[in-house]
Amino acid sequence: MNCKQIKKTFSIRAVLESFGLSPAKENRRTAFYFALDREEKIPSFCVDFIKNCAFDFGTGRNYDVISIVQLIKKCSVSESLIYLSTLGTHAYPERLSEEIISENQHRILKINEIRHPALIQYLELRKVADQKKRLWEVHYELEGRKYFGIGFKNDSDGFEIRNRYAKVCLGAKDITLIQIGKDRTSEIAVFEGFFDYLTFMNLESQSEPACDCLVLNSTAMLFKAEKLLMKYQKILLFLDNDKNGKSVAVKIKNEYHDVEDCSLMYHNFKDLNEWFMAEGSLKK
């Protein structure tokens, strides 16, 4: 992969998050961070998530993912590329398909168990209506207009929101870890999205999973799970059968012991849920 491809493949947001950096303020298209190389009281480092580039108003310099790593780590281009390769694939097009709405952009109006007929119908379409107890019905306001959707909570108290027409994240983007009640288990199942986790629960013969479960909520969130995965003796992967999913699967298999890629069971489909929608009558 050459420099031009890397600039398109890796998301600036994901790279900055890998250094523990969050925006001071943001909207749908852009965000302002405090300068990466100096102290300041007013954030001047502007990131354009659509163009996947940044501009420092304090110095007048433009940045891409490679030069950002160079600036933070004070390293060469080749060393920057090595660092980016350790993050896995943070696919820029995939991140654009989901809108991340920060806390100051929306207002949550109501959260309750799922009751709305349209949301129940959508869960039935995805063949996971039996798992609605693991979800919320979230009503929220955005730019003066009211919306609602199926909400799946992440570990930063943000909500992954889905319905027939929307794919957004309200609040901070994060992973979701579901533990079975023990201090530590030997096995964990990893999913890209929560519909695959719900599908997995449909396939389980009991009300709670036999192992811990981790929902990445985006392949770009893998870096937040890297230390967590080290605690487990076995990792079961239920990732998507696309470029991102396969890249993350390869990274996990290369870095951890005893990893089982379960995507073989749905190899002719995009993901576990799509397979289940087509083969829902099959037993585990």
C-alpha atoms as a PDB file:
ATOM      1  CA  MET A   1       0.000   0.000   0.000  1.00  0.00           C
ATOM      2  CA  ASN A   2       1.524   3.346  -1.062  1.00  0.00           C
ATOM      3  CA  CYS A   3       1.275   6.710   0.713  1.00  0.00           C
ATOM      4  CA  LYS A   4      -1.645   7.877  -1.442  1.00  0.00           C
ATOM      5  CA  GLN A   5      -3.668   4.764  -0.615  1.00  0.00           C
ATOM      6  CA  ILE A   6      -2.864   5.040   3.092  1.00  0.00           C
ATOM      7  CA  LYS A   7      -4.091   8.653   3.181  1.00  0.00           C
ATOM      8  CA  LYS A   8      -7.437   7.440   1.828  1.00  0.00           C
ATOM      9  CA  THR A   9      -7.639   4.251   3.899  1.00  0.00           C
ATOM     10  CA  PHE A  10      -6.927   5.498   7.412  1.00  0.00           C
ATOM     11  CA  SER A  11      -9.340   7.839   9.171  1.00  0.00           C
ATOM     12  CA  ILE A  12      -7.797  10.884  10.878  1.00  0.00           C
ATOM     13  CA  ARG A  13     -10.326  10.535  13.692  1.00  0.00           C
ATOM     14  CA  ALA A  14      -9.233   6.943  14.339  1.00  0.00           C
ATOM     15  CA  VAL A  15      -5.539   7.877  14.229  1.00  0.00           C
ATOM     16  CA  LEU A  16      -6.014  10.725  16.714  1.00  0.00           C
ATOM     17  CA  GLU A  17      -8.082   8.414  18.951  1.00  0.00           C
ATOM     18  CA  SER A  18      -5.202   5.918  18.918  1.00  0.00           C
ATOM     19  CA  PHE A  19      -3.156   8.612  20.697  1.00  0.00           C
ATOM     20  CA  GLY A  20      -5.992   9.231  23.164  1.00  0.00           C
ATOM     21  CA  LEU A  21      -6.936  12.565  21.560  1.00  0.00           C
ATOM     22  CA  SER A  22     -10.563  13.748  21.404  1.00  0.00           C
ATOM     23  CA  PRO A  23     -12.013  16.894  19.819  1.00  0.00           C
ATOM     24  CA  ALA A  24     -12.712  19.943  21.955  1.00  0.00           C
ATOM     25  CA  LYS A  25     -15.742  20.666  19.772  1.00  0.00           C
ATOM     26  CA  GLU A  26     -17.182  19.128  16.629  1.00  0.00           C
ATOM     27  CA  ASN A  27     -20.061  19.106  14.177  1.00  0.00           C
ATOM     28  CA  ARG A  28     -21.101  16.675  11.475  1.00  0.00           C
ATOM     29  CA  ARG A  29     -18.263  17.564   9.104  1.00  0.00           C
ATOM     30  CA  THR A  30     -15.418  19.039  11.133  1.00  0.00           C
ATOM     31  CA  ALA A  31     -13.854  19.046  14.587  1.00  0.00           C
ATOM     32  CA  PHE A  32     -11.389  21.247  16.462  1.00  0.00           C
ATOM     33  CA  TYR A  33      -8.593  19.710  18.525  1.00  0.00           C
ATOM     34  CA  PHE A  34      -6.001  21.442  20.652  1.00  0.00           C
ATOM     35  CA  ALA A  35      -2.694  21.831  18.833  1.00  0.00           C
ATOM     36  CA  LEU A  36      -0.641  18.642  18.675  1.00  0.00           C
ATOM     37  CA  ASP A  37       2.742  20.315  19.191  1.00  0.00           C
ATOM     38  CA  ARG A  38       2.130  23.167  21.652  1.00  0.00           C
ATOM     39  CA  GLU A  39       0.027  24.376  24.577  1.00  0.00           C
ATOM     40  CA  GLU A  40      -2.983  26.546  23.772  1.00  0.00           C
ATOM     41  CA  LYS A  41      -6.247  27.671  25.376  1.00  0.00           C
ATOM     42  CA  ILE A  42      -8.330  27.830  22.189  1.00  0.00           C
ATOM     43  CA  PRO A  43      -8.268  24.758  19.898  1.00  0.00           C
ATOM     44  CA  SER A  44      -6.824  25.596  16.490  1.00  0.00           C
ATOM     45  CA  PHE A  45      -6.270  22.188  14.882  1.00  0.00           C
ATOM     46  CA  CYS A  46      -9.216  21.689  12.502  1.00  0.00           C
ATOM     47  CA  VAL A  47     -10.015  18.244  11.075  1.00  0.00           C
ATOM     48  CA  ASP A  48     -12.273  17.798   8.055  1.00  0.00           C
ATOM     49  CA  PHE A  49     -13.722  14.276   8.372  1.00  0.00           C
ATOM     50  CA  ILE A  50     -15.202  14.329   4.875  1.00  0.00           C
ATOM     51  CA  LYS A  51     -11.940  15.209   3.099  1.00  0.00           C
ATOM     52  CA  ASN A  52      -9.897  13.294   5.720  1.00  0.00           C
ATOM     53  CA  CYS A  53      -7.398  16.122   6.191  1.00  0.00           C
ATOM     54  CA  ALA A  54      -6.497  18.710   8.824  1.00  0.00           C
ATOM     55  CA  PHE A  55      -5.383  22.337   9.017  1.00  0.00           C
ATOM     56  CA  ASP A  56      -3.546  24.048  11.879  1.00  0.00           C
ATOM     57  CA  PHE A  57      -4.765  27.653  12.044  1.00  0.00           C
ATOM     58  CA  GLY A  58      -1.889  28.496  14.379  1.00  0.00           C
ATOM     59  CA  THR A  59       0.858  27.554  11.921  1.00  0.00           C
ATOM     60  CA  GLY A  60      -0.982  27.537   8.583  1.00  0.00           C
ATOM     61  CA  ARG A  61       0.091  23.952   7.863  1.00  0.00           C
ATOM     62  CA  ASN A  62      -1.987  21.209   6.239  1.00  0.00           C
ATOM     63  CA  TYR A  63      -1.897  17.618   7.517  1.00  0.00           C
ATOM     64  CA  ASP A  64      -2.883  14.106   6.483  1.00  0.00           C
ATOM     65  CA  VAL A  65      -2.751  10.895   8.545  1.00  0.00           C
ATOM     66  CA  ILE A  66       0.949  10.325   7.781  1.00  0.00           C
ATOM     67  CA  SER A  67       2.130  13.813   8.718  1.00  0.00           C
ATOM     68  CA  ILE A  68      -0.054  13.783  11.849  1.00  0.00           C
ATOM     69  CA  VAL A  69       1.754  10.683  13.115  1.00  0.00           C
ATOM     70  CA  GLN A  70       5.065  12.328  12.198  1.00  0.00           C
ATOM     71  CA  LEU A  71       4.129  15.414  14.194  1.00  0.00           C
ATOM     72  CA  ILE A  72       3.007  13.521  17.300  1.00  0.00           C
ATOM     73  CA  LYS A  73       5.741  10.890  17.338  1.00  0.00           C
ATOM     74  CA  LYS A  74       8.459  13.153  15.871  1.00  0.00           C
ATOM     75  CA  CYS A  75       9.377  10.450  13.398  1.00  0.00           C
ATOM     76  CA  SER A  76      10.104   9.891   9.703  1.00  0.00           C
ATOM     77  CA  VAL A  77       7.577   9.003   6.992  1.00  0.00           C
ATOM     78  CA  SER A  78       8.650   5.343   7.047  1.00  0.00           C
ATOM     79  CA  GLU A  79       8.273   5.175  10.846  1.00  0.00           C
ATOM     80  CA  SER A  80       4.860   6.803  10.531  1.00  0.00           C
ATOM     81  CA  LEU A  81       3.799   4.125   8.034  1.00  0.00           C
ATOM     82  CA  ILE A  82       4.958   1.398  10.423  1.00  0.00           C
ATOM     83  CA  TYR A  83       2.848   2.922  13.216  1.00  0.00           C
ATOM     84  CA  LEU A  84      -0.232   3.128  10.994  1.00  0.00           C
ATOM     85  CA  SER A  85       0.203  -0.508   9.997  1.00  0.00           C
ATOM     86  CA  THR A  86      -0.123  -1.517  13.662  1.00  0.00           C
ATOM     87  CA  LEU A  87      -3.584   0.041  13.919  1.00  0.00           C
ATOM     88  CA  GLY A  88      -5.313  -2.325  11.497  1.00  0.00           C
ATOM     89  CA  THR A  89      -7.517  -1.029   8.702  1.00  0.00           C
ATOM     90  CA  HIS A  90      -9.452   2.093   9.675  1.00  0.00           C
ATOM     91  CA  ALA A  91     -11.440   2.371   6.474  1.00  0.00           C
ATOM     92  CA  TYR A  92     -12.354   5.913   5.605  1.00  0.00           C
ATOM     93  CA  PRO A  93     -15.374   5.045   3.381  1.00  0.00           C
ATOM     94  CA  GLU A  94     -16.863   2.845   6.117  1.00  0.00           C
ATOM     95  CA  ARG A  95     -16.669   5.643   8.692  1.00  0.00           C
ATOM     96  CA  LEU A  96     -18.431   8.043   6.338  1.00  0.00           C
ATOM     97  CA  SER A  97     -21.409   5.682   6.172  1.00  0.00           C
ATOM     98  CA  GLU A  98     -22.094   6.315   9.838  1.00  0.00           C
ATOM     99  CA  GLU A  99     -22.652   9.766  11.264  1.00  0.00           C
ATOM    100  CA  ILE A 100     -21.195  10.450  14.714  1.00  0.00           C
ATOM    101  CA  ILE A 101     -23.247  13.085  16.496  1.00  0.00           C
ATOM    102  CA  SER A 102     -21.506  14.637  19.503  1.00  0.00           C
ATOM    103  CA  GLU A 103     -23.250  15.506  22.777  1.00  0.00           C
ATOM    104  CA  ASN A 104     -23.604  19.209  21.980  1.00  0.00           C
ATOM    105  CA  GLN A 105     -25.331  18.456  18.669  1.00  0.00           C
ATOM    106  CA  HIS A 106     -28.270  16.400  19.926  1.00  0.00           C
ATOM    107  CA  ARG A 107     -30.643  16.115  22.839  1.00  0.00           C
ATOM    108  CA  ILE A 108     -32.011  12.777  24.020  1.00  0.00           C
ATOM    109  CA  LEU A 109     -35.712  13.176  24.747  1.00  0.00           C
ATOM    110  CA  LYS A 110     -36.692   9.729  25.983  1.00  0.00           C
ATOM    111  CA  ILE A 111     -35.264   6.244  26.475  1.00  0.00           C
ATOM    112  CA  ASN A 112     -37.517   3.258  27.068  1.00  0.00           C
ATOM    113  CA  GLU A 113     -37.952  -0.386  26.116  1.00  0.00           C
ATOM    114  CA  ILE A 114     -38.747  -0.957  22.452  1.00  0.00           C
ATOM    115  CA  ARG A 115     -42.462  -0.477  21.817  1.00  0.00           C
ATOM    116  CA  HIS A 116     -42.815   1.401  18.541  1.00  0.00           C
ATOM    117  CA  PRO A 117     -44.340  -0.840  15.832  1.00  0.00           C
ATOM    118  CA  ALA A 118     -41.886   0.402  13.177  1.00  0.00           C
ATOM    119  CA  LEU A 119     -38.881  -0.566  15.293  1.00  0.00           C
ATOM    120  CA  ILE A 120     -40.347  -3.941  16.216  1.00  0.00           C
ATOM    121  CA  GLN A 121     -41.064  -4.565  12.536  1.00  0.00           C
ATOM    122  CA  TYR A 122     -37.439  -3.682  11.680  1.00  0.00           C
ATOM    123  CA  LEU A 123     -36.138  -6.112  14.316  1.00  0.00           C
ATOM    124  CA  GLU A 124     -38.440  -8.795  12.934  1.00  0.00           C
ATOM    125  CA  LEU A 125     -37.064  -8.113   9.453  1.00  0.00           C
ATOM    126  CA  ARG A 126     -33.551  -8.655  10.819  1.00  0.00           C
ATOM    127  CA  LYS A 127     -34.825 -11.778  12.672  1.00  0.00           C
ATOM    128  CA  VAL A 128     -33.644 -10.535  16.089  1.00  0.00           C
ATOM    129  CA  ALA A 129     -36.910  -9.344  17.652  1.00  0.00           C
ATOM    130  CA  ASP A 130     -36.494 -11.941  20.411  1.00  0.00           C
ATOM    131  CA  GLN A 131     -33.433 -10.000  21.603  1.00  0.00           C
ATOM    132  CA  LYS A 132     -35.125  -6.605  22.007  1.00  0.00           C
ATOM    133  CA  LYS A 133     -34.545  -6.739  25.779  1.00  0.00           C
ATOM    134  CA  ARG A 134     -30.889  -5.976  25.005  1.00  0.00           C
ATOM    135  CA  LEU A 135     -31.825  -2.775  23.183  1.00  0.00           C
ATOM    136  CA  TRP A 136     -33.485   0.568  23.834  1.00  0.00           C
ATOM    137  CA  GLU A 137     -35.919   2.782  22.017  1.00  0.00           C
ATOM    138  CA  VAL A 138     -34.205   6.172  21.876  1.00  0.00           C
ATOM    139  CA  HIS A 139     -36.001   9.399  20.971  1.00  0.00           C
ATOM    140  CA  TYR A 140     -33.724  12.348  20.257  1.00  0.00           C
ATOM    141  CA  GLU A 141     -33.717  15.840  18.792  1.00  0.00           C
ATOM    142  CA  LEU A 142     -31.260  17.040  16.155  1.00  0.00           C
ATOM    143  CA  GLU A 143     -31.290  20.532  14.644  1.00  0.00           C
ATOM    144  CA  GLY A 144     -34.834  21.100  15.859  1.00  0.00           C
ATOM    145  CA  ARG A 145     -36.211  17.881  14.385  1.00  0.00           C
ATOM    146  CA  LYS A 146     -37.233  14.805  16.360  1.00  0.00           C
ATOM    147  CA  TYR A 147     -36.116  11.265  15.524  1.00  0.00           C
ATOM    148  CA  PHE A 148     -36.210   7.826  17.093  1.00  0.00           C
ATOM    149  CA  GLY A 149     -34.433   4.541  16.571  1.00  0.00           C
ATOM    150  CA  ILE A 150     -33.146   1.308  18.050  1.00  0.00           C
ATOM    151  CA  GLY A 151     -30.390   2.104  20.546  1.00  0.00           C
ATOM    152  CA  PHE A 152     -27.469  -0.116  21.538  1.00  0.00           C
ATOM    153  CA  LYS A 153     -25.352   1.342  24.318  1.00  0.00           C
ATOM    154  CA  ASN A 154     -21.566   1.455  24.176  1.00  0.00           C
ATOM    155  CA  ASP A 155     -19.030   1.637  27.005  1.00  0.00           C
ATOM    156  CA  SER A 156     -18.816   5.451  26.838  1.00  0.00           C
ATOM    157  CA  ASP A 157     -22.589   5.833  27.346  1.00  0.00           C
ATOM    158  CA  GLY A 158     -23.065   6.636  23.678  1.00  0.00           C
ATOM    159  CA  PHE A 159     -25.788   4.985  21.606  1.00  0.00           C
ATOM    160  CA  GLU A 160     -25.489   3.202  18.292  1.00  0.00           C
ATOM    161  CA  ILE A 161     -28.779   4.153  16.618  1.00  0.00           C
ATOM    162  CA  ARG A 162     -30.337   2.103  13.839  1.00  0.00           C
ATOM    163  CA  ASN A 163     -33.612   2.007  11.943  1.00  0.00           C
ATOM    164  CA  ARG A 164     -34.548   1.479   8.298  1.00  0.00           C
ATOM    165  CA  TYR A 165     -33.236   4.913   7.322  1.00  0.00           C
ATOM    166  CA  ALA A 166     -30.519   5.870   9.801  1.00  0.00           C
ATOM    167  CA  LYS A 167     -27.125   4.677  10.961  1.00  0.00           C
ATOM    168  CA  VAL A 168     -25.754   7.125  13.509  1.00  0.00           C
ATOM    169  CA  CYS A 169     -23.887   7.210  16.791  1.00  0.00           C
ATOM    170  CA  LEU A 170     -25.148   9.572  19.478  1.00  0.00           C
ATOM    171  CA  GLY A 171     -22.277  10.722  21.682  1.00  0.00           C
ATOM    172  CA  ALA A 172     -18.836   9.169  21.987  1.00  0.00           C
ATOM    173  CA  LYS A 173     -17.940   6.239  19.751  1.00  0.00           C
ATOM    174  CA  ASP A 174     -16.749   3.181  21.688  1.00  0.00           C
ATOM    175  CA  ILE A 175     -16.799  -0.595  21.969  1.00  0.00           C
ATOM    176  CA  THR A 176     -19.378  -2.550  23.987  1.00  0.00           C
ATOM    177  CA  LEU A 177     -18.209  -5.335  26.292  1.00  0.00           C
ATOM    178  CA  ILE A 178     -20.823  -7.816  27.550  1.00  0.00           C
ATOM    179  CA  GLN A 179     -19.512  -9.902  30.442  1.00  0.00           C
ATOM    180  CA  ILE A 180     -21.257 -12.990  31.791  1.00  0.00           C
ATOM    181  CA  GLY A 181     -20.746 -12.116  35.442  1.00  0.00           C
ATOM    182  CA  LYS A 182     -17.392 -13.664  36.251  1.00  0.00           C
ATOM    183  CA  ASP A 183     -14.270 -11.653  36.974  1.00  0.00           C
ATOM    184  CA  ARG A 184     -12.571 -13.279  34.032  1.00  0.00           C
ATOM    185  CA  THR A 185     -13.604 -15.820  31.435  1.00  0.00           C
ATOM    186  CA  SER A 186     -11.329 -17.809  29.158  1.00  0.00           C
ATOM    187  CA  GLU A 187     -13.253 -17.131  25.931  1.00  0.00           C
ATOM    188  CA  ILE A 188     -14.627 -14.083  24.133  1.00  0.00           C
ATOM    189  CA  ALA A 189     -16.669 -13.685  20.933  1.00  0.00           C
ATOM    190  CA  VAL A 190     -15.944 -10.565  18.845  1.00  0.00           C
ATOM    191  CA  PHE A 191     -18.516  -8.911  16.565  1.00  0.00           C
ATOM    192  CA  GLU A 192     -18.312  -5.907  14.268  1.00  0.00           C
ATOM    193  CA  GLY A 193     -21.873  -4.693  14.791  1.00  0.00           C
ATOM    194  CA  PHE A 194     -24.601  -5.289  17.348  1.00  0.00           C
ATOM    195  CA  PHE A 195     -26.983  -7.036  14.929  1.00  0.00           C
ATOM    196  CA  ASP A 196     -24.402  -9.807  14.630  1.00  0.00           C
ATOM    197  CA  TYR A 197     -24.205 -10.010  18.431  1.00  0.00           C
ATOM    198  CA  LEU A 198     -28.014 -10.251  18.623  1.00  0.00           C
ATOM    199  CA  THR A 199     -27.928 -12.955  15.949  1.00  0.00           C
ATOM    200  CA  PHE A 200     -25.342 -14.868  17.976  1.00  0.00           C
ATOM    201  CA  MET A 201     -27.668 -14.679  20.979  1.00  0.00           C
ATOM    202  CA  ASN A 202     -30.468 -16.123  18.859  1.00  0.00           C
ATOM    203  CA  LEU A 203     -28.190 -19.026  18.024  1.00  0.00           C
ATOM    204  CA  GLU A 204     -27.315 -19.631  21.673  1.00  0.00           C
ATOM    205  CA  SER A 205     -29.454 -22.224  23.411  1.00  0.00           C
ATOM    206  CA  GLN A 206     -29.589 -20.273  26.680  1.00  0.00           C
ATOM    207  CA  SER A 207     -30.669 -16.770  27.672  1.00  0.00           C
ATOM    208  CA  GLU A 208     -27.119 -15.569  28.373  1.00  0.00           C
ATOM    209  CA  PRO A 209     -23.979 -16.275  26.322  1.00  0.00           C
ATOM    210  CA  ALA A 210     -21.552 -18.956  27.421  1.00  0.00           C
ATOM    211  CA  CYS A 211     -18.650 -16.536  26.972  1.00  0.00           C
ATOM    212  CA  ASP A 212     -17.984 -12.815  27.118  1.00  0.00           C
ATOM    213  CA  CYS A 213     -18.940 -10.848  24.006  1.00  0.00           C
ATOM    214  CA  LEU A 214     -17.332  -7.779  22.473  1.00  0.00           C
ATOM    215  CA  VAL A 215     -19.067  -5.562  19.910  1.00  0.00           C
ATOM    216  CA  LEU A 216     -16.570  -3.264  18.183  1.00  0.00           C
ATOM    217  CA  ASN A 217     -19.330  -1.012  16.784  1.00  0.00           C
ATOM    218  CA  SER A 218     -16.794  -0.258  14.007  1.00  0.00           C
ATOM    219  CA  THR A 219     -13.561  -1.885  12.894  1.00  0.00           C
ATOM    220  CA  ALA A 220     -11.893   1.456  13.648  1.00  0.00           C
ATOM    221  CA  MET A 221     -12.471   0.796  17.353  1.00  0.00           C
ATOM    222  CA  LEU A 222     -10.198  -2.259  17.430  1.00  0.00           C
ATOM    223  CA  PHE A 223      -7.399  -0.299  19.110  1.00  0.00           C
ATOM    224  CA  LYS A 224      -9.647   0.179  22.156  1.00  0.00           C
ATOM    225  CA  ALA A 225      -9.964  -3.594  22.542  1.00  0.00           C
ATOM    226  CA  GLU A 226      -6.350  -4.650  22.067  1.00  0.00           C
ATOM    227  CA  LYS A 227      -5.378  -4.828  25.768  1.00  0.00           C
ATOM    228  CA  LEU A 228      -8.752  -6.315  26.672  1.00  0.00           C
ATOM    229  CA  LEU A 229      -8.334  -9.230  24.259  1.00  0.00           C
ATOM    230  CA  MET A 230      -5.012 -10.163  25.860  1.00  0.00           C
ATOM    231  CA  LYS A 231      -6.930 -11.394  28.940  1.00  0.00           C
ATOM    232  CA  TYR A 232      -8.622 -14.223  27.055  1.00  0.00           C
ATOM    233  CA  GLN A 233      -7.274 -17.656  26.225  1.00  0.00           C
ATOM    234  CA  LYS A 234      -9.484 -18.046  23.140  1.00  0.00           C
ATOM    235  CA  ILE A 235     -10.992 -15.509  20.735  1.00  0.00           C
ATOM    236  CA  LEU A 236     -13.944 -16.288  18.449  1.00  0.00           C
ATOM    237  CA  LEU A 237     -14.254 -13.910  15.483  1.00  0.00           C
ATOM    238  CA  PHE A 238     -17.636 -13.134  13.891  1.00  0.00           C
ATOM    239  CA  LEU A 239     -16.491 -10.267  11.656  1.00  0.00           C
ATOM    240  CA  ASP A 240     -17.860  -9.158   8.293  1.00  0.00           C
ATOM    241  CA  ASN A 241     -16.814 -10.874   5.079  1.00  0.00           C
ATOM    242  CA  ASP A 242     -15.528  -7.682   3.507  1.00  0.00           C
ATOM    243  CA  LYS A 243     -12.146  -6.000   3.184  1.00  0.00           C
ATOM    244  CA  ASN A 244     -12.310  -4.362   6.618  1.00  0.00           C
ATOM    245  CA  GLY A 245     -13.517  -7.456   8.423  1.00  0.00           C
ATOM    246  CA  LYS A 246     -10.900  -9.703   6.832  1.00  0.00           C
ATOM    247  CA  SER A 247      -8.121  -7.203   7.546  1.00  0.00           C
ATOM    248  CA  VAL A 248      -9.063  -6.972  11.225  1.00  0.00           C
ATOM    249  CA  ALA A 249      -9.346 -10.763  11.416  1.00  0.00           C
ATOM    250  CA  VAL A 250      -5.817 -11.140  10.033  1.00  0.00           C
ATOM    251  CA  LYS A 251      -4.488  -8.580  12.522  1.00  0.00           C
ATOM    252  CA  ILE A 252      -6.104 -10.341  15.490  1.00  0.00           C
ATOM    253  CA  LYS A 253      -4.926 -13.771  14.329  1.00  0.00           C
ATOM    254  CA  ASN A 254      -1.379 -12.449  13.999  1.00  0.00           C
ATOM    255  CA  GLU A 255      -1.314 -10.855  17.451  1.00  0.00           C
ATOM    256  CA  TYR A 256      -3.192 -13.276  19.720  1.00  0.00           C
ATOM    257  CA  HIS A 257      -3.062 -16.973  20.537  1.00  0.00           C
ATOM    258  CA  ASP A 258      -5.868 -19.436  19.755  1.00  0.00           C
ATOM    259  CA  VAL A 259      -8.080 -17.359  17.461  1.00  0.00           C
ATOM    260  CA  GLU A 260     -10.946 -19.068  15.625  1.00  0.00           C
ATOM    261  CA  ASP A 261     -12.379 -17.335  12.571  1.00  0.00           C
ATOM    262  CA  CYS A 262     -16.082 -18.237  12.629  1.00  0.00           C
ATOM    263  CA  SER A 263     -16.877 -16.325   9.433  1.00  0.00           C
ATOM    264  CA  LEU A 264     -16.534 -19.605   7.535  1.00  0.00           C
ATOM    265  CA  MET A 265     -20.053 -20.530   8.634  1.00  0.00           C
ATOM    266  CA  TYR A 266     -21.467 -17.555   6.691  1.00  0.00           C
ATOM    267  CA  HIS A 267     -18.776 -17.293   3.987  1.00  0.00           C
ATOM    268  CA  ASN A 268     -21.291 -16.625   1.192  1.00  0.00           C
ATOM    269  CA  PHE A 269     -22.840 -13.686   3.055  1.00  0.00           C
ATOM    270  CA  LYS A 270     -21.688 -10.244   4.178  1.00  0.00           C
ATOM    271  CA  ASP A 271     -22.094 -10.970   7.868  1.00  0.00           C
ATOM    272  CA  LEU A 272     -23.653 -13.287  10.430  1.00  0.00           C
ATOM    273  CA  ASN A 273     -26.977 -11.476  10.477  1.00  0.00           C
ATOM    274  CA  GLU A 274     -27.365 -11.549   6.700  1.00  0.00           C
ATOM    275  CA  TRP A 275     -26.730 -15.313   6.773  1.00  0.00           C
ATOM    276  CA  PHE A 276     -29.250 -15.745   9.574  1.00  0.00           C
ATOM    277  CA  MET A 277     -31.868 -13.725   7.707  1.00  0.00           C
ATOM    278  CA  ALA A 278     -31.456 -16.132   4.787  1.00  0.00           C
ATOM    279  CA  GLU A 279     -30.939 -19.287   6.862  1.00  0.00           C
ATOM    280  CA  GLY A 280     -32.800 -18.369  10.023  1.00  0.00           C
ATOM    281  CA  SER A 281     -34.511 -21.726  10.300  1.00  0.00           C
ATOM    282  CA  LEU A 282     -31.191 -23.530  10.661  1.00  0.00           C
ATOM    283  CA  LYS A 283     -30.185 -24.610  14.136  1.00  0.00           C
ATOM    284  CA  LYS A 284     -26.803 -23.900  15.579  1.00  0.00           C
END
